[in-house]
């Protein structure tokens, strides 16, 4: 179950509201999460609200409402923030009156990537499902909370033990908006074990045998 009493802030914002069925965060200007890659700057000041778990298999679902967003890069969504150099997030980032970016960022050992797709600017709500299978993770999205589409599968190098996960909201430029989170829920892992191609035993044997290479 989702228990709000277990939630903890990393960088508590000035204005927020936490209720059993609804969380509101008013973003502060010039807040973001990003590490090094391409832009070469490092931003690590966005507020994140998380709980801890050692559970190896689970899913976390949340609905985000960003109706009030309207400035470039305004964003809110799911997050797993372990420390400044190891985290992931999934969100919609406002771009302009025509489109915005639905995407995810994975940061391992201090380097971030960014995978996105453009969606219409009139979309103002999005569901996310964050799933864990040991140290592998899946982020999905949905516009109705029923049918989810995969956004990202990734490995977290520091994500094998106790983790923290939850929600975040930020405004990287000089803006502020109210992000609303509802329908927060923890469930059994909805990301089922892979039932397709089996592990490559040849590759396994290659790693096991120091004399497997032939010149």
N, C-alpha and C. Protein backbone atom coordinates (compact mmCIF):
# COMPACT_ATOMS: atom_id res chain seq x y z
N UNK A 1 0.83 -1.20 0.00
CA UNK A 1 0.00 0.00 0.00
C UNK A 1 0.88 1.26 0.00
N UNK A 2 0.32 2.35 -0.52
CA UNK A 2 1.01 3.64 -0.53
C UNK A 2 0.73 4.33 0.80
N UNK A 3 1.77 4.57 1.58
CA UNK A 3 1.62 5.10 2.93
C UNK A 3 2.29 6.46 3.00
N UNK A 4 1.50 7.54 3.08
CA UNK A 4 2.08 8.88 3.06
C UNK A 4 2.93 9.16 4.30
N UNK A 5 2.73 8.40 5.37
CA UNK A 5 3.52 8.63 6.58
C UNK A 5 4.99 8.25 6.38
N UNK A 6 5.27 7.48 5.33
CA UNK A 6 6.64 7.05 5.06
C UNK A 6 7.37 7.96 4.07
N UNK A 7 6.69 9.00 3.62
CA UNK A 7 7.30 9.89 2.63
C UNK A 7 8.31 10.82 3.29
N UNK A 8 9.41 11.05 2.59
CA UNK A 8 10.45 11.96 3.08
C UNK A 8 10.90 12.87 1.95
N UNK A 9 11.17 14.11 2.30
CA UNK A 9 11.64 15.08 1.32
C UNK A 9 13.15 15.03 1.15
N UNK A 10 13.58 15.18 -0.06
CA UNK A 10 14.94 15.61 -0.36
C UNK A 10 14.78 17.00 -0.97
N UNK A 11 15.21 18.00 -0.26
CA UNK A 11 15.03 19.40 -0.65
C UNK A 11 13.54 19.78 -0.61
N UNK A 12 13.05 20.01 0.57
CA UNK A 12 11.64 20.35 0.78
C UNK A 12 11.31 21.70 0.14
N UNK A 13 10.25 21.77 -0.67
CA UNK A 13 9.88 23.04 -1.30
C UNK A 13 9.18 23.97 -0.31
N UNK A 14 9.03 25.22 -0.70
CA UNK A 14 8.39 26.19 0.18
C UNK A 14 6.89 25.95 0.29
N UNK A 15 6.26 25.58 -0.83
CA UNK A 15 4.81 25.44 -0.85
C UNK A 15 4.39 24.06 -1.36
N UNK A 16 3.67 23.33 -0.51
CA UNK A 16 3.18 22.01 -0.90
C UNK A 16 2.04 21.60 0.02
N UNK A 17 1.32 20.58 -0.39
CA UNK A 17 0.23 20.03 0.41
C UNK A 17 0.24 18.52 0.24
N UNK A 18 0.19 17.78 1.35
CA UNK A 18 0.18 16.32 1.30
C UNK A 18 -1.07 15.81 2.00
N UNK A 19 -1.93 15.15 1.24
CA UNK A 19 -3.11 14.49 1.77
C UNK A 19 -3.05 13.02 1.37
N UNK A 20 -3.93 12.22 1.94
CA UNK A 20 -3.88 10.79 1.68
C UNK A 20 -4.11 10.45 0.22
N UNK A 21 -4.91 11.28 -0.48
CA UNK A 21 -5.25 10.97 -1.86
C UNK A 21 -4.80 12.03 -2.86
N UNK A 22 -4.01 13.01 -2.39
CA UNK A 22 -3.64 14.10 -3.27
C UNK A 22 -2.39 14.82 -2.72
N UNK A 23 -1.43 15.05 -3.60
CA UNK A 23 -0.23 15.80 -3.23
C UNK A 23 -0.08 16.94 -4.22
N UNK A 24 0.15 18.14 -3.72
CA UNK A 24 0.38 19.30 -4.56
C UNK A 24 1.75 19.88 -4.26
N UNK A 25 2.49 20.20 -5.30
CA UNK A 25 3.80 20.83 -5.15
C UNK A 25 3.83 22.06 -6.05
N UNK A 26 4.15 23.21 -5.46
CA UNK A 26 4.36 24.42 -6.25
C UNK A 26 5.86 24.54 -6.50
N UNK A 27 6.24 24.50 -7.76
CA UNK A 27 7.66 24.49 -8.10
C UNK A 27 8.30 25.84 -7.82
N UNK A 28 9.60 25.79 -7.62
CA UNK A 28 10.39 27.00 -7.44
C UNK A 28 11.22 27.23 -8.70
N UNK A 29 11.45 28.48 -9.08
CA UNK A 29 12.25 28.76 -10.28
C UNK A 29 13.67 28.22 -10.16
N UNK A 30 14.23 27.85 -11.31
CA UNK A 30 15.62 27.41 -11.43
C UNK A 30 15.91 26.16 -10.61
N UNK A 31 14.96 25.21 -10.65
CA UNK A 31 15.15 23.91 -10.01
C UNK A 31 15.12 22.82 -11.07
N UNK A 32 16.00 21.84 -10.94
CA UNK A 32 16.10 20.81 -11.98
C UNK A 32 16.94 19.65 -11.48
N UNK A 33 16.91 18.55 -12.25
CA UNK A 33 17.81 17.41 -12.07
C UNK A 33 18.47 17.12 -13.40
N UNK A 34 19.78 17.21 -13.45
CA UNK A 34 20.55 16.87 -14.66
C UNK A 34 22.02 16.75 -14.28
N UNK A 35 22.72 15.84 -14.97
CA UNK A 35 24.15 15.65 -14.70
C UNK A 35 24.97 15.60 -16.00
N UNK A 36 25.78 16.58 -16.21
CA UNK A 36 26.88 16.64 -17.17
C UNK A 36 26.53 16.52 -18.65
N UNK A 37 26.00 15.37 -19.08
CA UNK A 37 25.97 15.01 -20.50
C UNK A 37 25.46 16.12 -21.41
N UNK A 38 26.19 16.40 -22.47
CA UNK A 38 25.86 17.34 -23.54
C UNK A 38 25.87 18.79 -23.09
N UNK A 39 25.05 19.11 -22.08
CA UNK A 39 24.98 20.50 -21.63
C UNK A 39 26.19 20.87 -20.77
N UNK A 40 26.80 19.86 -20.16
CA UNK A 40 28.02 20.01 -19.35
C UNK A 40 27.78 20.69 -18.00
N UNK A 41 26.56 21.17 -17.75
CA UNK A 41 26.29 21.69 -16.41
C UNK A 41 25.72 20.59 -15.54
N UNK A 42 25.62 20.87 -14.25
CA UNK A 42 25.09 19.93 -13.28
C UNK A 42 24.03 20.64 -12.45
N UNK A 43 22.79 20.14 -12.49
CA UNK A 43 21.70 20.69 -11.70
C UNK A 43 21.20 19.62 -10.74
N UNK A 44 21.14 19.95 -9.48
CA UNK A 44 20.76 18.96 -8.47
C UNK A 44 20.02 19.63 -7.33
N UNK A 45 18.94 20.34 -7.67
CA UNK A 45 18.23 21.07 -6.62
C UNK A 45 16.71 20.93 -6.68
N UNK A 46 16.20 20.00 -7.48
CA UNK A 46 14.75 19.79 -7.54
C UNK A 46 14.27 19.07 -6.28
N UNK A 47 13.11 19.45 -5.75
CA UNK A 47 12.56 18.72 -4.62
C UNK A 47 12.00 17.37 -5.05
N UNK A 48 12.28 16.34 -4.27
CA UNK A 48 11.73 15.01 -4.53
C UNK A 48 11.12 14.48 -3.24
N UNK A 49 9.98 13.82 -3.37
CA UNK A 49 9.25 13.27 -2.23
C UNK A 49 9.18 11.76 -2.42
N UNK A 50 9.82 11.01 -1.51
CA UNK A 50 10.02 9.58 -1.74
C UNK A 50 9.80 8.75 -0.48
N UNK A 51 9.68 7.44 -0.70
CA UNK A 51 9.72 6.48 0.39
C UNK A 51 10.79 5.44 0.09
N UNK A 52 11.26 4.78 1.13
CA UNK A 52 12.30 3.77 0.99
C UNK A 52 11.68 2.38 0.93
N UNK A 53 12.36 1.48 0.21
CA UNK A 53 11.93 0.08 0.20
C UNK A 53 13.11 -0.81 -0.16
N UNK A 54 13.07 -2.03 0.33
CA UNK A 54 14.00 -3.07 -0.09
C UNK A 54 13.29 -4.12 -0.93
N UNK A 55 12.00 -3.89 -1.21
CA UNK A 55 11.23 -4.81 -2.03
C UNK A 55 11.83 -4.87 -3.44
N UNK A 56 12.09 -6.08 -3.93
CA UNK A 56 12.78 -6.25 -5.22
C UNK A 56 11.84 -6.25 -6.41
N UNK A 57 10.55 -6.50 -6.16
CA UNK A 57 9.59 -6.60 -7.26
C UNK A 57 8.32 -5.85 -6.89
N UNK A 58 8.06 -4.74 -7.55
CA UNK A 58 6.84 -3.99 -7.30
C UNK A 58 6.62 -2.99 -8.42
N UNK A 59 5.43 -2.39 -8.43
CA UNK A 59 5.12 -1.28 -9.33
C UNK A 59 4.52 -0.14 -8.52
N UNK A 60 4.80 1.07 -8.96
CA UNK A 60 4.27 2.29 -8.35
C UNK A 60 3.57 3.09 -9.44
N UNK A 61 2.32 3.48 -9.17
CA UNK A 61 1.50 4.18 -10.16
C UNK A 61 1.10 5.54 -9.60
N UNK A 62 1.10 6.56 -10.46
CA UNK A 62 0.67 7.88 -10.05
C UNK A 62 0.12 8.63 -11.26
N UNK A 63 -0.89 9.46 -11.00
CA UNK A 63 -1.43 10.35 -12.04
C UNK A 63 -0.92 11.75 -11.77
N UNK A 64 -0.41 12.40 -12.80
CA UNK A 64 0.08 13.77 -12.68
C UNK A 64 -0.83 14.72 -13.45
N UNK A 65 -1.06 15.88 -12.87
CA UNK A 65 -1.84 16.94 -13.52
C UNK A 65 -0.97 18.19 -13.54
N UNK A 66 -0.62 18.63 -14.73
CA UNK A 66 0.25 19.79 -14.91
C UNK A 66 -0.45 20.87 -15.73
N UNK A 67 -1.75 21.01 -15.46
CA UNK A 67 -2.56 22.00 -16.17
C UNK A 67 -1.97 23.41 -16.06
N UNK A 68 -1.34 23.71 -14.94
CA UNK A 68 -0.82 25.05 -14.71
C UNK A 68 0.55 25.28 -15.31
N UNK A 69 1.18 24.25 -15.87
CA UNK A 69 2.50 24.45 -16.48
C UNK A 69 2.35 25.25 -17.77
N UNK A 70 3.35 26.09 -18.07
CA UNK A 70 3.23 26.90 -19.27
C UNK A 70 4.51 27.59 -19.66
N UNK A 71 5.61 27.18 -19.04
CA UNK A 71 6.91 27.76 -19.36
C UNK A 71 7.87 26.64 -19.74
N UNK A 72 8.81 26.96 -20.59
CA UNK A 72 9.73 25.95 -21.11
C UNK A 72 10.39 25.15 -19.98
N UNK A 73 10.32 23.84 -20.12
CA UNK A 73 10.93 22.85 -19.23
C UNK A 73 10.18 22.62 -17.91
N UNK A 74 9.08 23.32 -17.66
CA UNK A 74 8.24 22.97 -16.50
C UNK A 74 7.94 21.47 -16.56
N UNK A 75 8.03 20.77 -15.43
CA UNK A 75 7.88 19.31 -15.46
C UNK A 75 7.47 18.75 -14.11
N UNK A 76 6.83 17.58 -14.13
CA UNK A 76 6.53 16.84 -12.92
C UNK A 76 6.31 15.38 -13.30
N UNK A 77 6.65 14.48 -12.38
CA UNK A 77 6.48 13.07 -12.70
C UNK A 77 7.02 12.16 -11.62
N UNK A 78 7.43 10.96 -12.05
CA UNK A 78 7.96 9.95 -11.12
C UNK A 78 9.48 10.09 -11.05
N UNK A 79 10.03 9.61 -9.94
CA UNK A 79 11.47 9.71 -9.74
C UNK A 79 11.96 8.58 -8.86
N UNK A 80 13.17 8.15 -9.08
CA UNK A 80 13.91 7.31 -8.14
C UNK A 80 15.25 7.99 -7.93
N UNK A 81 15.37 8.72 -6.84
CA UNK A 81 16.56 9.51 -6.56
C UNK A 81 17.36 8.82 -5.46
N UNK A 82 18.49 8.24 -5.84
CA UNK A 82 19.34 7.55 -4.87
C UNK A 82 20.37 8.50 -4.27
N UNK A 83 21.03 9.26 -5.14
CA UNK A 83 21.93 10.34 -4.74
C UNK A 83 22.13 11.22 -5.96
N UNK A 84 22.96 12.24 -5.85
CA UNK A 84 23.06 13.24 -6.90
C UNK A 84 23.53 12.67 -8.24
N UNK A 85 24.20 11.52 -8.22
CA UNK A 85 24.76 10.98 -9.45
C UNK A 85 24.11 9.68 -9.90
N UNK A 86 23.06 9.27 -9.22
CA UNK A 86 22.37 8.02 -9.56
C UNK A 86 20.87 8.19 -9.32
N UNK A 87 20.14 8.35 -10.42
CA UNK A 87 18.69 8.56 -10.31
C UNK A 87 18.05 8.40 -11.68
N UNK A 88 16.73 8.30 -11.67
CA UNK A 88 15.97 8.32 -12.92
C UNK A 88 14.69 9.11 -12.70
N UNK A 89 14.13 9.62 -13.80
CA UNK A 89 12.86 10.35 -13.71
C UNK A 89 12.10 10.18 -15.01
N UNK A 90 10.78 10.30 -14.91
CA UNK A 90 9.91 10.28 -16.09
C UNK A 90 8.89 11.39 -15.95
N UNK A 91 8.67 12.16 -17.03
CA UNK A 91 7.79 13.31 -16.93
C UNK A 91 7.41 13.83 -18.31
N UNK A 92 6.53 14.83 -18.30
CA UNK A 92 6.26 15.65 -19.48
C UNK A 92 6.88 17.02 -19.23
N UNK A 93 7.69 17.47 -20.15
CA UNK A 93 8.32 18.78 -20.04
C UNK A 93 7.69 19.73 -21.06
N UNK A 94 7.14 20.82 -20.57
CA UNK A 94 6.53 21.81 -21.45
C UNK A 94 7.59 22.43 -22.37
N UNK A 95 7.24 22.63 -23.61
CA UNK A 95 8.16 23.25 -24.57
C UNK A 95 7.59 24.56 -25.11
N UNK A 96 6.42 24.51 -25.75
CA UNK A 96 5.79 25.72 -26.26
C UNK A 96 4.29 25.46 -26.46
N UNK A 97 3.59 26.34 -27.12
CA UNK A 97 2.14 26.21 -27.27
C UNK A 97 1.74 25.11 -28.24
N UNK A 98 2.70 24.54 -28.97
CA UNK A 98 2.41 23.49 -29.95
C UNK A 98 2.72 22.09 -29.44
N UNK A 99 3.83 21.91 -28.75
CA UNK A 99 4.21 20.56 -28.32
C UNK A 99 4.99 20.60 -27.02
N UNK A 100 5.12 19.41 -26.41
CA UNK A 100 5.94 19.23 -25.21
C UNK A 100 6.62 17.88 -25.30
N UNK A 101 7.55 17.62 -24.40
CA UNK A 101 8.33 16.39 -24.44
C UNK A 101 7.88 15.41 -23.37
N UNK A 102 7.41 14.25 -23.79
CA UNK A 102 7.17 13.13 -22.89
C UNK A 102 8.44 12.31 -22.90
N UNK A 103 9.09 12.17 -21.75
CA UNK A 103 10.38 11.50 -21.79
C UNK A 103 10.86 11.02 -20.44
N UNK A 104 12.07 10.50 -20.45
CA UNK A 104 12.69 9.98 -19.24
C UNK A 104 14.18 10.27 -19.27
N UNK A 105 14.74 10.41 -18.09
CA UNK A 105 16.17 10.61 -17.92
C UNK A 105 16.69 9.53 -16.97
N UNK A 106 17.77 8.88 -17.37
CA UNK A 106 18.45 7.92 -16.51
C UNK A 106 19.87 8.41 -16.28
N UNK A 107 20.25 8.50 -15.03
CA UNK A 107 21.57 8.98 -14.66
C UNK A 107 22.30 7.90 -13.88
N UNK A 108 23.37 7.39 -14.44
CA UNK A 108 24.22 6.40 -13.80
C UNK A 108 25.62 6.98 -13.63
N UNK A 109 26.13 6.97 -12.39
CA UNK A 109 27.48 7.41 -12.10
C UNK A 109 27.79 8.79 -12.65
N UNK A 110 26.80 9.68 -12.55
CA UNK A 110 27.04 11.08 -12.84
C UNK A 110 26.84 11.53 -14.26
N UNK A 111 26.25 10.67 -15.12
CA UNK A 111 26.00 11.08 -16.50
C UNK A 111 24.55 10.77 -16.86
N UNK A 112 23.85 11.79 -17.35
CA UNK A 112 22.44 11.68 -17.69
C UNK A 112 22.24 11.45 -19.18
N UNK A 113 21.18 10.70 -19.52
CA UNK A 113 20.71 10.67 -20.90
C UNK A 113 19.29 11.24 -20.91
N UNK A 114 18.74 11.40 -22.09
CA UNK A 114 17.37 11.94 -22.19
C UNK A 114 16.71 11.33 -23.41
N UNK A 115 15.67 10.53 -23.19
CA UNK A 115 14.91 9.89 -24.27
C UNK A 115 13.53 10.51 -24.30
N UNK A 116 13.11 11.06 -25.45
CA UNK A 116 11.85 11.79 -25.51
C UNK A 116 11.06 11.48 -26.76
N UNK A 117 9.78 11.84 -26.70
CA UNK A 117 8.92 11.87 -27.87
C UNK A 117 8.02 13.10 -27.74
N UNK A 118 7.70 13.73 -28.85
CA UNK A 118 6.87 14.93 -28.81
C UNK A 118 5.40 14.55 -28.70
N UNK A 119 4.67 15.27 -27.85
CA UNK A 119 3.23 15.09 -27.71
C UNK A 119 2.58 16.48 -27.78
N UNK A 120 1.30 16.55 -28.10
CA UNK A 120 0.63 17.86 -28.22
C UNK A 120 0.65 18.64 -26.91
N UNK A 121 0.70 19.95 -27.02
CA UNK A 121 0.77 20.81 -25.84
C UNK A 121 -0.53 20.81 -25.04
N UNK A 122 -1.64 20.38 -25.65
CA UNK A 122 -2.91 20.40 -24.92
C UNK A 122 -3.04 19.25 -23.92
N UNK A 123 -2.17 18.25 -23.98
CA UNK A 123 -2.18 17.16 -23.00
C UNK A 123 -1.74 17.73 -21.65
N UNK A 124 -2.56 17.60 -20.63
CA UNK A 124 -2.26 18.20 -19.34
C UNK A 124 -2.32 17.23 -18.17
N UNK A 125 -2.55 15.95 -18.46
CA UNK A 125 -2.47 14.92 -17.43
C UNK A 125 -1.74 13.71 -18.01
N UNK A 126 -1.05 12.98 -17.15
CA UNK A 126 -0.36 11.77 -17.59
C UNK A 126 -0.20 10.85 -16.38
N UNK A 127 -0.45 9.56 -16.62
CA UNK A 127 -0.20 8.53 -15.62
C UNK A 127 1.18 7.92 -15.88
N UNK A 128 1.83 7.51 -14.79
CA UNK A 128 3.10 6.80 -14.91
C UNK A 128 3.05 5.53 -14.07
N UNK A 129 3.75 4.51 -14.57
CA UNK A 129 3.94 3.29 -13.79
C UNK A 129 5.43 2.97 -13.77
N UNK A 130 5.97 2.94 -12.56
CA UNK A 130 7.39 2.67 -12.33
C UNK A 130 7.50 1.27 -11.73
N UNK A 131 8.24 0.39 -12.40
CA UNK A 131 8.33 -1.00 -11.94
C UNK A 131 9.77 -1.41 -11.71
N UNK A 132 9.97 -2.26 -10.70
CA UNK A 132 11.30 -2.75 -10.35
C UNK A 132 11.36 -4.26 -10.43
N UNK A 133 12.42 -4.75 -11.05
CA UNK A 133 12.79 -6.17 -10.99
C UNK A 133 14.26 -6.22 -10.61
N UNK A 134 14.52 -6.32 -9.31
CA UNK A 134 15.87 -6.28 -8.75
C UNK A 134 16.56 -4.97 -9.11
N UNK A 135 17.63 -4.98 -9.92
CA UNK A 135 18.30 -3.72 -10.27
C UNK A 135 17.99 -3.27 -11.69
N UNK A 136 16.92 -3.81 -12.26
CA UNK A 136 16.42 -3.36 -13.56
C UNK A 136 15.07 -2.67 -13.35
N UNK A 137 14.78 -1.67 -14.19
CA UNK A 137 13.61 -0.83 -13.98
C UNK A 137 12.89 -0.55 -15.29
N UNK A 138 11.60 -0.30 -15.19
CA UNK A 138 10.77 0.02 -16.34
C UNK A 138 9.90 1.22 -16.00
N UNK A 139 9.82 2.17 -16.94
CA UNK A 139 8.93 3.32 -16.82
C UNK A 139 7.90 3.23 -17.94
N UNK A 140 6.62 3.33 -17.57
CA UNK A 140 5.54 3.32 -18.55
C UNK A 140 4.66 4.55 -18.34
N UNK A 141 3.88 4.89 -19.36
CA UNK A 141 2.97 6.02 -19.27
C UNK A 141 1.60 5.63 -19.81
N UNK A 142 0.59 6.41 -19.45
CA UNK A 142 -0.77 6.14 -19.88
C UNK A 142 -1.57 7.43 -19.83
N UNK A 143 -2.49 7.60 -20.75
CA UNK A 143 -3.37 8.76 -20.72
C UNK A 143 -4.69 8.48 -20.02
N UNK A 144 -4.97 7.19 -19.75
CA UNK A 144 -6.23 6.86 -19.09
C UNK A 144 -6.06 6.05 -17.80
N UNK A 145 -4.83 5.70 -17.46
CA UNK A 145 -4.59 4.92 -16.25
C UNK A 145 -4.92 3.45 -16.38
N UNK A 146 -5.25 3.01 -17.59
CA UNK A 146 -5.61 1.62 -17.84
C UNK A 146 -4.59 0.96 -18.78
N UNK A 147 -4.42 1.54 -19.93
CA UNK A 147 -3.49 1.02 -20.92
C UNK A 147 -2.17 1.77 -20.82
N UNK A 148 -1.11 1.06 -20.43
CA UNK A 148 0.21 1.67 -20.26
C UNK A 148 1.13 1.29 -21.43
N UNK A 149 1.95 2.24 -21.82
CA UNK A 149 2.90 2.05 -22.91
C UNK A 149 4.33 2.22 -22.38
N UNK A 150 5.20 1.33 -22.76
CA UNK A 150 6.58 1.38 -22.29
C UNK A 150 7.31 2.62 -22.79
N UNK A 151 7.95 3.33 -21.88
CA UNK A 151 8.81 4.45 -22.22
C UNK A 151 10.28 4.06 -22.17
N UNK A 152 10.61 3.20 -21.22
CA UNK A 152 12.02 2.96 -20.96
C UNK A 152 12.23 1.70 -20.14
N UNK A 153 13.22 0.89 -20.50
CA UNK A 153 13.75 -0.17 -19.66
C UNK A 153 15.22 0.18 -19.41
N UNK A 154 15.66 0.09 -18.17
CA UNK A 154 17.04 0.49 -17.89
C UNK A 154 17.60 -0.31 -16.72
N UNK A 155 18.91 -0.26 -16.61
CA UNK A 155 19.63 -0.86 -15.49
C UNK A 155 20.21 0.27 -14.66
N UNK A 156 20.08 0.15 -13.34
CA UNK A 156 20.67 1.14 -12.45
C UNK A 156 21.82 0.49 -11.69
N UNK A 157 23.00 1.00 -11.92
CA UNK A 157 24.20 0.38 -11.35
C UNK A 157 24.21 0.40 -9.83
N UNK A 158 23.54 1.38 -9.24
CA UNK A 158 23.49 1.45 -7.77
C UNK A 158 22.09 1.14 -7.26
N UNK A 159 21.30 0.44 -8.06
CA UNK A 159 19.90 0.21 -7.72
C UNK A 159 19.56 -1.19 -7.29
N UNK A 160 20.51 -1.92 -6.71
CA UNK A 160 20.26 -3.32 -6.36
C UNK A 160 19.73 -3.52 -4.95
N UNK A 161 19.99 -2.59 -4.05
CA UNK A 161 19.60 -2.77 -2.66
C UNK A 161 18.41 -1.91 -2.29
N UNK A 162 18.52 -1.24 -1.15
CA UNK A 162 17.46 -0.33 -0.71
C UNK A 162 17.41 0.87 -1.64
N UNK A 163 16.22 1.23 -2.06
CA UNK A 163 16.06 2.37 -2.95
C UNK A 163 15.05 3.35 -2.37
N UNK A 164 14.99 4.53 -2.96
CA UNK A 164 13.97 5.52 -2.65
C UNK A 164 13.29 5.89 -3.96
N UNK A 165 11.97 6.04 -3.93
CA UNK A 165 11.22 6.35 -5.14
C UNK A 165 10.00 7.17 -4.79
N UNK A 166 9.50 7.91 -5.78
CA UNK A 166 8.32 8.72 -5.52
C UNK A 166 8.06 9.71 -6.62
N UNK A 167 7.90 10.99 -6.26
CA UNK A 167 7.48 12.02 -7.21
C UNK A 167 8.38 13.24 -7.10
N UNK A 168 8.35 14.06 -8.16
CA UNK A 168 9.11 15.31 -8.15
C UNK A 168 8.42 16.32 -9.04
N UNK A 169 8.79 17.58 -8.89
CA UNK A 169 8.31 18.65 -9.76
C UNK A 169 9.33 19.77 -9.73
N UNK A 170 9.57 20.40 -10.89
CA UNK A 170 10.56 21.46 -10.93
C UNK A 170 10.33 22.38 -12.13
N UNK A 171 10.98 23.53 -12.07
CA UNK A 171 10.93 24.53 -13.15
C UNK A 171 12.35 25.03 -13.39
N UNK A 172 13.04 24.47 -14.38
CA UNK A 172 14.44 24.82 -14.60
C UNK A 172 14.69 26.29 -14.95
N UNK A 173 13.73 26.96 -15.55
CA UNK A 173 13.93 28.36 -15.88
C UNK A 173 13.18 29.24 -14.87
N UNK A 174 12.96 30.49 -15.20
CA UNK A 174 12.38 31.43 -14.25
C UNK A 174 10.86 31.35 -14.26
N UNK A 175 10.34 30.27 -13.70
CA UNK A 175 8.89 30.07 -13.69
C UNK A 175 8.49 29.28 -12.46
N UNK A 176 7.18 29.10 -12.30
CA UNK A 176 6.63 28.33 -11.20
C UNK A 176 5.23 27.86 -11.58
N UNK A 177 4.86 26.65 -11.16
CA UNK A 177 3.51 26.16 -11.40
C UNK A 177 3.14 25.14 -10.34
N UNK A 178 1.84 24.87 -10.23
CA UNK A 178 1.36 23.87 -9.27
C UNK A 178 1.22 22.52 -9.96
N UNK A 179 1.95 21.52 -9.46
CA UNK A 179 1.84 20.15 -9.94
C UNK A 179 0.97 19.35 -8.97
N UNK A 180 0.05 18.57 -9.52
CA UNK A 180 -0.89 17.81 -8.70
C UNK A 180 -0.71 16.32 -8.97
N UNK A 181 -0.61 15.54 -7.89
CA UNK A 181 -0.40 14.09 -7.98
C UNK A 181 -1.56 13.39 -7.26
N UNK A 182 -2.21 12.47 -7.96
CA UNK A 182 -3.32 11.72 -7.38
C UNK A 182 -3.19 10.25 -7.76
N UNK A 183 -4.08 9.43 -7.21
CA UNK A 183 -4.17 8.00 -7.55
C UNK A 183 -2.85 7.29 -7.34
N UNK A 184 -2.14 7.64 -6.27
CA UNK A 184 -0.86 7.00 -5.96
C UNK A 184 -1.12 5.61 -5.41
N UNK A 185 -0.38 4.64 -5.93
CA UNK A 185 -0.65 3.24 -5.56
C UNK A 185 0.59 2.39 -5.76
N UNK A 186 0.83 1.50 -4.82
CA UNK A 186 1.85 0.45 -4.99
C UNK A 186 1.14 -0.87 -5.23
N UNK A 187 1.63 -1.65 -6.19
CA UNK A 187 1.02 -2.93 -6.52
C UNK A 187 2.11 -3.99 -6.67
N UNK A 188 1.68 -5.22 -6.86
CA UNK A 188 2.65 -6.24 -7.25
C UNK A 188 3.24 -5.85 -8.59
N UNK A 189 4.38 -6.39 -8.92
CA UNK A 189 5.10 -5.96 -10.12
C UNK A 189 4.29 -6.27 -11.38
N UNK A 190 3.92 -5.22 -12.11
CA UNK A 190 3.17 -5.38 -13.35
C UNK A 190 4.09 -5.65 -14.54
N UNK A 191 5.38 -5.49 -14.33
CA UNK A 191 6.39 -5.74 -15.37
C UNK A 191 6.84 -7.20 -15.20
N UNK A 192 6.23 -8.07 -15.98
CA UNK A 192 6.42 -9.49 -15.80
C UNK A 192 7.78 -9.97 -16.33
N UNK A 193 8.19 -11.14 -15.86
CA UNK A 193 9.45 -11.72 -16.31
C UNK A 193 9.42 -11.93 -17.82
N UNK A 194 10.56 -11.74 -18.45
CA UNK A 194 10.67 -11.88 -19.89
C UNK A 194 10.41 -13.34 -20.30
N UNK A 195 9.55 -13.53 -21.30
CA UNK A 195 9.22 -14.89 -21.74
C UNK A 195 9.63 -15.16 -23.18
N UNK A 196 10.57 -14.37 -23.69
CA UNK A 196 11.02 -14.54 -25.07
C UNK A 196 12.37 -15.22 -25.14
N UNK A 197 13.30 -14.58 -25.81
CA UNK A 197 14.64 -15.16 -26.01
C UNK A 197 15.31 -15.45 -24.68
N UNK A 198 15.90 -16.62 -24.58
CA UNK A 198 16.58 -17.02 -23.37
C UNK A 198 18.00 -16.46 -23.33
N UNK A 199 18.62 -16.40 -22.14
CA UNK A 199 20.00 -15.91 -22.06
C UNK A 199 20.92 -16.70 -22.98
N UNK A 200 21.90 -16.02 -23.52
CA UNK A 200 22.87 -16.61 -24.44
C UNK A 200 23.90 -17.39 -23.63
N UNK A 201 23.78 -18.72 -23.62
CA UNK A 201 24.69 -19.54 -22.81
C UNK A 201 26.11 -19.45 -23.32
N UNK A 202 26.28 -19.20 -24.61
CA UNK A 202 27.62 -19.04 -25.14
C UNK A 202 28.32 -17.85 -24.52
N UNK A 203 27.57 -16.77 -24.32
CA UNK A 203 28.13 -15.59 -23.68
C UNK A 203 28.44 -15.87 -22.22
N UNK A 204 27.56 -16.62 -21.55
CA UNK A 204 27.81 -16.98 -20.16
C UNK A 204 29.08 -17.79 -20.04
N UNK A 205 29.26 -18.79 -20.91
CA UNK A 205 30.46 -19.62 -20.87
C UNK A 205 31.71 -18.83 -21.19
N UNK A 206 31.59 -17.82 -22.06
CA UNK A 206 32.73 -17.00 -22.40
C UNK A 206 33.26 -16.28 -21.17
N UNK A 207 32.33 -15.80 -20.33
CA UNK A 207 32.75 -15.10 -19.13
C UNK A 207 33.30 -16.07 -18.08
N UNK A 208 32.82 -17.30 -18.10
CA UNK A 208 33.25 -18.27 -17.10
C UNK A 208 34.61 -18.86 -17.41
N UNK A 209 34.98 -18.95 -18.69
CA UNK A 209 36.22 -19.63 -19.09
C UNK A 209 37.31 -18.64 -19.45
N UNK A 210 38.45 -18.65 -18.74
CA UNK A 210 39.54 -17.74 -19.07
C UNK A 210 40.28 -18.13 -20.33
N UNK A 211 40.04 -19.33 -20.85
CA UNK A 211 40.77 -19.81 -22.02
C UNK A 211 39.84 -20.02 -23.21
N UNK A 212 38.72 -19.28 -23.23
CA UNK A 212 37.73 -19.53 -24.27
C UNK A 212 38.07 -18.87 -25.59
N UNK A 213 38.99 -17.91 -25.58
CA UNK A 213 39.32 -17.18 -26.83
C UNK A 213 40.37 -17.96 -27.62
N UNK A 214 40.12 -18.08 -28.91
CA UNK A 214 41.09 -18.73 -29.80
C UNK A 214 41.68 -17.69 -30.73
N UNK A 215 43.02 -17.62 -30.81
CA UNK A 215 43.66 -16.63 -31.65
C UNK A 215 43.66 -17.04 -33.11
